[in-house]
Amino acid sequence: MSLEERVTELESRLAFQDDTIEAMNDVLVIQQRVVERLQLQMAALLKRQEEMVGQFESFEEEAPPPHY
């Protein structure tokens, strides 16, 4: 294999690797956005759950009705 063929082969591999890295980066960016959105949703759900638990606890702390 001549030097020119080797350089051409290396340039071809480099171009393929660059394309692969760029595609992987694009996927990573999308996944990061999804993770951030899921974290926000999870935080909102935890907050709602804590509020609901607080509401139920306040009902349980009330004195029983007089007929008991």
N, C-alpha and C. Protein backbone atom coordinates (compact mmCIF):
# COMPACT_ATOMS: atom_id res chain seq x y z
N MET A 1 0.86 -1.17 0.00
CA MET A 1 0.00 0.00 0.00
C MET A 1 0.90 1.23 0.00
N SER A 2 0.63 2.12 -0.89
CA SER A 2 1.47 3.31 -1.02
C SER A 2 1.12 4.33 0.07
N LEU A 3 1.98 5.27 0.24
CA LEU A 3 1.78 6.32 1.23
C LEU A 3 0.51 7.11 0.94
N GLU A 4 0.29 7.39 -0.32
CA GLU A 4 -0.91 8.15 -0.71
C GLU A 4 -2.19 7.37 -0.38
N GLU A 5 -2.18 6.07 -0.61
CA GLU A 5 -3.34 5.24 -0.29
C GLU A 5 -3.56 5.19 1.23
N ARG A 6 -2.48 5.10 1.98
CA ARG A 6 -2.60 5.08 3.44
C ARG A 6 -3.18 6.39 3.97
N VAL A 7 -2.69 7.49 3.42
CA VAL A 7 -3.20 8.80 3.85
C VAL A 7 -4.68 8.92 3.49
N THR A 8 -5.05 8.48 2.31
CA THR A 8 -6.45 8.52 1.88
C THR A 8 -7.32 7.67 2.80
N GLU A 9 -6.83 6.49 3.16
CA GLU A 9 -7.55 5.61 4.07
C GLU A 9 -7.72 6.26 5.45
N LEU A 10 -6.66 6.87 5.95
CA LEU A 10 -6.73 7.54 7.24
C LEU A 10 -7.69 8.73 7.21
N GLU A 11 -7.66 9.49 6.13
CA GLU A 11 -8.59 10.61 5.99
C GLU A 11 -10.04 10.11 5.95
N SER A 12 -10.26 9.00 5.28
CA SER A 12 -11.60 8.42 5.21
C SER A 12 -12.06 7.98 6.60
N ARG A 13 -11.18 7.33 7.33
CA ARG A 13 -11.52 6.90 8.69
C ARG A 13 -11.80 8.10 9.59
N LEU A 14 -10.99 9.12 9.47
CA LEU A 14 -11.16 10.32 10.27
C LEU A 14 -12.52 10.98 9.98
N ALA A 15 -12.87 11.07 8.72
CA ALA A 15 -14.16 11.65 8.35
C ALA A 15 -15.31 10.82 8.92
N PHE A 16 -15.21 9.49 8.86
CA PHE A 16 -16.23 8.62 9.43
C PHE A 16 -16.33 8.82 10.93
N GLN A 17 -15.19 8.90 11.60
CA GLN A 17 -15.19 9.09 13.05
C GLN A 17 -15.78 10.45 13.43
N ASP A 18 -15.46 11.47 12.66
CA ASP A 18 -16.04 12.79 12.92
C ASP A 18 -17.56 12.75 12.80
N ASP A 19 -18.06 12.10 11.76
CA ASP A 19 -19.51 11.98 11.58
C ASP A 19 -20.14 11.21 12.74
N THR A 20 -19.49 10.14 13.15
CA THR A 20 -20.00 9.33 14.25
C THR A 20 -20.04 10.13 15.55
N ILE A 21 -18.98 10.85 15.84
CA ILE A 21 -18.92 11.66 17.05
C ILE A 21 -19.99 12.74 17.02
N GLU A 22 -20.18 13.37 15.89
CA GLU A 22 -21.21 14.41 15.78
C GLU A 22 -22.61 13.82 15.99
N ALA A 23 -22.87 12.66 15.42
CA ALA A 23 -24.18 12.01 15.60
C ALA A 23 -24.38 11.63 17.06
N MET A 24 -23.36 11.11 17.69
CA MET A 24 -23.47 10.74 19.10
C MET A 24 -23.69 11.97 19.97
N ASN A 25 -23.04 13.06 19.64
CA ASN A 25 -23.22 14.29 20.39
C ASN A 25 -24.65 14.80 20.25
N ASP A 26 -25.21 14.72 19.06
CA ASP A 26 -26.59 15.15 18.84
C ASP A 26 -27.55 14.32 19.70
N VAL A 27 -27.33 13.03 19.75
CA VAL A 27 -28.17 12.15 20.57
C VAL A 27 -27.99 12.50 22.04
N LEU A 28 -26.78 12.75 22.46
CA LEU A 28 -26.50 13.09 23.85
C LEU A 28 -27.21 14.38 24.26
N VAL A 29 -27.20 15.36 23.39
CA VAL A 29 -27.88 16.64 23.67
C VAL A 29 -29.37 16.40 23.85
N ILE A 30 -29.97 15.61 22.99
CA ILE A 30 -31.40 15.30 23.08
C ILE A 30 -31.69 14.56 24.39
N GLN A 31 -30.87 13.58 24.72
CA GLN A 31 -31.08 12.82 25.95
C GLN A 31 -30.93 13.72 27.17
N GLN A 32 -30.00 14.64 27.15
CA GLN A 32 -29.82 15.55 28.28
C GLN A 32 -31.05 16.41 28.48
N ARG A 33 -31.64 16.88 27.39
CA ARG A 33 -32.87 17.67 27.49
C ARG A 33 -34.00 16.83 28.09
N VAL A 34 -34.09 15.58 27.67
CA VAL A 34 -35.13 14.69 28.21
C VAL A 34 -34.91 14.48 29.71
N VAL A 35 -33.67 14.25 30.11
CA VAL A 35 -33.36 14.03 31.52
C VAL A 35 -33.72 15.27 32.34
N GLU A 36 -33.38 16.44 31.84
CA GLU A 36 -33.70 17.68 32.55
C GLU A 36 -35.21 17.86 32.69
N ARG A 37 -35.96 17.56 31.63
CA ARG A 37 -37.41 17.66 31.68
C ARG A 37 -37.99 16.66 32.69
N LEU A 38 -37.45 15.45 32.70
CA LEU A 38 -37.92 14.44 33.64
C LEU A 38 -37.61 14.82 35.08
N GLN A 39 -36.46 15.45 35.30
CA GLN A 39 -36.12 15.89 36.65
C GLN A 39 -37.09 16.96 37.13
N LEU A 40 -37.46 17.88 36.25
CA LEU A 40 -38.43 18.91 36.62
C LEU A 40 -39.79 18.29 36.93
N GLN A 41 -40.20 17.33 36.11
CA GLN A 41 -41.48 16.66 36.35
C GLN A 41 -41.45 15.89 37.66
N MET A 42 -40.35 15.24 37.94
CA MET A 42 -40.22 14.47 39.17
C MET A 42 -40.28 15.40 40.39
N ALA A 43 -39.62 16.53 40.31
CA ALA A 43 -39.66 17.49 41.41
C ALA A 43 -41.08 18.00 41.63
N ALA A 44 -41.80 18.27 40.54
CA ALA A 44 -43.18 18.73 40.67
C ALA A 44 -44.06 17.64 41.28
N LEU A 45 -43.86 16.41 40.88
CA LEU A 45 -44.64 15.31 41.44
C LEU A 45 -44.34 15.11 42.92
N LEU A 46 -43.09 15.21 43.31
CA LEU A 46 -42.73 15.08 44.72
C LEU A 46 -43.37 16.19 45.55
N LYS A 47 -43.38 17.39 45.00
CA LYS A 47 -44.00 18.50 45.71
C LYS A 47 -45.49 18.25 45.89
N ARG A 48 -46.16 17.81 44.83
CA ARG A 48 -47.60 17.51 44.92
C ARG A 48 -47.87 16.39 45.92
N GLN A 49 -47.01 15.38 45.91
CA GLN A 49 -47.18 14.25 46.82
C GLN A 49 -47.04 14.72 48.27
N GLU A 50 -46.06 15.57 48.54
CA GLU A 50 -45.86 16.10 49.88
C GLU A 50 -47.06 16.93 50.31
N GLU A 51 -47.62 17.72 49.40
CA GLU A 51 -48.80 18.52 49.72
C GLU A 51 -49.98 17.62 50.04
N MET A 52 -50.16 16.57 49.28
CA MET A 52 -51.28 15.66 49.51
C MET A 52 -51.11 14.91 50.82
N VAL A 53 -49.91 14.49 51.13
CA VAL A 53 -49.65 13.81 52.40
C VAL A 53 -49.96 14.77 53.55
N GLY A 54 -49.58 16.01 53.41
CA GLY A 54 -49.87 17.02 54.43
C GLY A 54 -51.37 17.20 54.63
N GLN A 55 -52.13 17.17 53.55
CA GLN A 55 -53.58 17.31 53.65
C GLN A 55 -54.18 16.13 54.38
N PHE A 56 -53.75 14.92 54.07
CA PHE A 56 -54.29 13.74 54.72
C PHE A 56 -53.90 13.68 56.19
N GLU A 57 -52.71 14.12 56.51
CA GLU A 57 -52.29 14.13 57.91
C GLU A 57 -53.14 15.10 58.72
N SER A 58 -53.51 16.23 58.14
CA SER A 58 -54.33 17.19 58.88
C SER A 58 -55.72 16.62 59.13
N PHE A 59 -56.25 15.80 58.22
CA PHE A 59 -57.54 15.16 58.44
C PHE A 59 -57.44 14.13 59.56
N GLU A 60 -56.35 13.40 59.62
CA GLU A 60 -56.19 12.37 60.63
C GLU A 60 -56.00 12.95 62.02
N GLU A 61 -55.48 14.17 62.13
CA GLU A 61 -55.21 14.80 63.43
C GLU A 61 -56.47 15.41 64.04
N GLU A 62 -57.52 15.55 63.28
CA GLU A 62 -58.76 16.13 63.80
C GLU A 62 -59.35 15.21 64.85
N ALA A 63 -60.00 15.81 65.83
CA ALA A 63 -60.66 15.04 66.89
C ALA A 63 -61.84 14.28 66.30
N PRO A 64 -62.16 13.14 66.86
CA PRO A 64 -63.32 12.39 66.36
C PRO A 64 -64.61 13.17 66.63
N PRO A 65 -65.64 12.92 65.86
CA PRO A 65 -66.91 13.63 66.06
C PRO A 65 -67.47 13.33 67.46
N PRO A 66 -68.33 14.19 67.97
CA PRO A 66 -68.84 14.07 69.35
C PRO A 66 -69.60 12.77 69.61
N HIS A 67 -70.18 12.14 68.63
CA HIS A 67 -70.97 10.93 68.87
C HIS A 67 -70.12 9.71 69.16
N TYR A 68 -68.80 9.81 69.16
CA TYR A 68 -67.94 8.66 69.48
C TYR A 68 -67.72 8.56 70.95
